[in-house]
Protein backbone atom coordinates (compact mmCIF):
# COMPACT_ATOMS: atom_id res chain seq x y z
CA MET A 1 -74.50 -81.75 176.30
CA GLY A 2 -71.01 -82.16 174.22
CA GLY A 3 -71.14 -81.98 170.32
CA LYS A 4 -71.59 -78.47 168.37
CA ALA A 5 -73.36 -76.82 171.09
CA LYS A 6 -73.02 -72.88 171.77
CA THR A 7 -70.04 -72.30 173.67
CA GLU A 8 -68.93 -69.71 176.35
CA LYS A 9 -65.37 -68.88 177.22
CA MET A 10 -64.56 -68.91 180.87
CA SER A 11 -61.48 -68.10 183.01
CA VAL A 12 -60.87 -70.45 185.74
CA THR A 13 -58.11 -70.45 188.51
CA LEU A 14 -56.74 -73.92 189.55
CA PRO A 15 -54.27 -75.15 192.04
CA LYS A 16 -50.42 -75.65 190.08
CA GLU A 17 -50.70 -79.29 191.33
CA LEU A 18 -54.35 -79.82 189.95
CA ALA A 19 -53.60 -77.87 186.49
CA GLY A 20 -50.64 -80.06 186.26
CA GLU A 21 -52.39 -83.25 186.65
CA ILE A 22 -55.02 -82.43 184.27
CA ARG A 23 -52.21 -81.70 181.67
CA SER A 24 -50.66 -84.89 182.26
CA ILE A 25 -53.87 -86.70 181.21
CA ALA A 26 -55.75 -84.64 178.80
CA PRO A 27 -54.56 -84.82 175.29
CA GLN A 28 -53.10 -81.27 174.29
CA GLY A 29 -55.77 -79.38 172.60
CA GLU A 30 -58.59 -81.03 174.38
CA ILE A 31 -58.47 -79.56 178.00
CA SER A 32 -62.06 -77.82 177.20
CA SER A 33 -63.59 -81.21 176.08
CA PHE A 34 -62.13 -82.60 179.40
CA PHE A 35 -63.60 -79.93 181.70
CA THR A 36 -66.66 -80.32 179.82
CA GLU A 37 -67.02 -84.02 180.26
CA ALA A 38 -65.79 -83.86 184.03
CA LEU A 39 -68.30 -81.19 184.82
CA GLU A 40 -71.05 -82.71 183.01
CA HIS A 41 -70.38 -85.74 185.32
CA PHE A 42 -69.98 -83.47 188.16
CA LEU A 43 -73.25 -81.82 187.47
CA ALA A 44 -75.26 -84.91 187.21
CA TYR A 45 -74.10 -86.19 190.56
CA ARG A 46 -74.82 -82.79 192.21
CA LYS A 47 -78.51 -82.61 190.60
CA GLN A 48 -78.71 -86.48 191.94
CA GLU A 49 -77.48 -85.51 195.46
CA ILE A 50 -79.85 -82.53 195.53
CA ALA A 51 -82.86 -84.37 194.63
CA LEU A 52 -82.20 -86.86 197.34
CA GLU A 53 -81.73 -84.22 200.13
CA LYS A 54 -84.79 -82.85 199.15
CA GLY A 55 -86.69 -85.97 199.25
CA PHE A 56 -85.09 -87.18 202.44
CA GLY A 57 -87.77 -87.76 204.91
CA ALA A 58 -90.67 -88.13 202.43
CA TRP A 59 -91.25 -91.74 202.87
CA THR A 60 -92.12 -92.78 206.46
CA ASN A 61 -93.20 -96.13 207.78
CA GLU A 62 -96.51 -94.27 209.15
CA SER A 63 -97.39 -93.49 205.57
CA HIS A 64 -96.46 -97.12 204.12
CA PRO A 65 -97.27 -99.53 206.94
CA ASP A 66 -97.64 -102.33 204.27
CA LEU A 67 -94.06 -101.90 203.44
CA ALA A 68 -92.54 -102.08 206.85
CA THR A 69 -90.35 -105.37 206.14
CA PRO A 70 -87.93 -106.22 203.53
CA GLU A 71 -89.83 -109.12 202.40
CA GLU A 72 -92.84 -106.61 201.73
CA SER A 73 -90.68 -104.18 200.11
CA THR A 74 -89.36 -106.76 197.61
CA ALA A 75 -92.74 -108.23 196.91
CA TYR A 76 -94.01 -104.49 196.28
CA VAL A 77 -90.87 -103.99 193.85
CA ARG A 78 -91.57 -107.21 192.10
CA ALA A 79 -95.22 -106.47 191.63
CA ILE A 80 -94.44 -103.20 189.93
CA ARG A 81 -91.82 -104.83 187.60
CA GLU A 82 -94.20 -107.46 186.61
CA ALA A 83 -96.73 -104.97 186.10
CA ASP A 84 -94.48 -102.90 183.72
CA ARG A 85 -93.36 -106.14 182.05
CA GLU A 86 -97.36 -107.14 181.12
CA ARG A 87 -97.71 -103.42 179.87
CA HIS A 88 -94.57 -103.80 177.53
CA PRO A 89 -94.29 -107.38 176.90
CA LYS A 90 -92.28 -106.84 173.51
CA ASP A 91 -89.47 -104.97 175.65
CA THR A 92 -87.22 -107.98 176.12
CA LYS A 93 -84.17 -106.00 175.78
CA GLY A 94 -84.70 -103.28 177.93
CA GLU A 95 -85.28 -100.77 175.20
CA ARG A 96 -87.44 -98.72 177.21
CA ARG A 97 -84.70 -98.35 180.07
CA LYS A 98 -81.94 -97.47 177.51
CA THR A 99 -84.27 -94.85 176.15
CA TRP A 100 -84.87 -93.37 179.77
CA LEU A 101 -81.47 -93.59 180.69
CA ALA A 102 -80.49 -91.63 177.47
CA ASN A 103 -82.96 -88.86 177.98
CA LEU A 104 -81.68 -88.67 181.70
CA GLN A 105 -78.17 -87.59 180.11
CA GLN A 106 -79.57 -85.05 177.85
């Protein structure tokens, strides 16, 4: 998100102790950047938490009896990874994963 994005001024009220802690570690003149970075991280965390809560219970042993044991699950994951390597044999440095992770953060 950072960079030269459009901005909006907001007013927040914080406990004095928390405000003091922030001032003690954020460089002078960079409080907004500090909050922006902190809130971006927190929002990403909350979005992931919400997605996990929504997805809870979607996977059941009854719907996937072929993955009932740790060994079966491990074999399944290995097969998926191997199929991915076969589809993208030149991606030896994990470039697809880096691109995917970078896109997640936008």
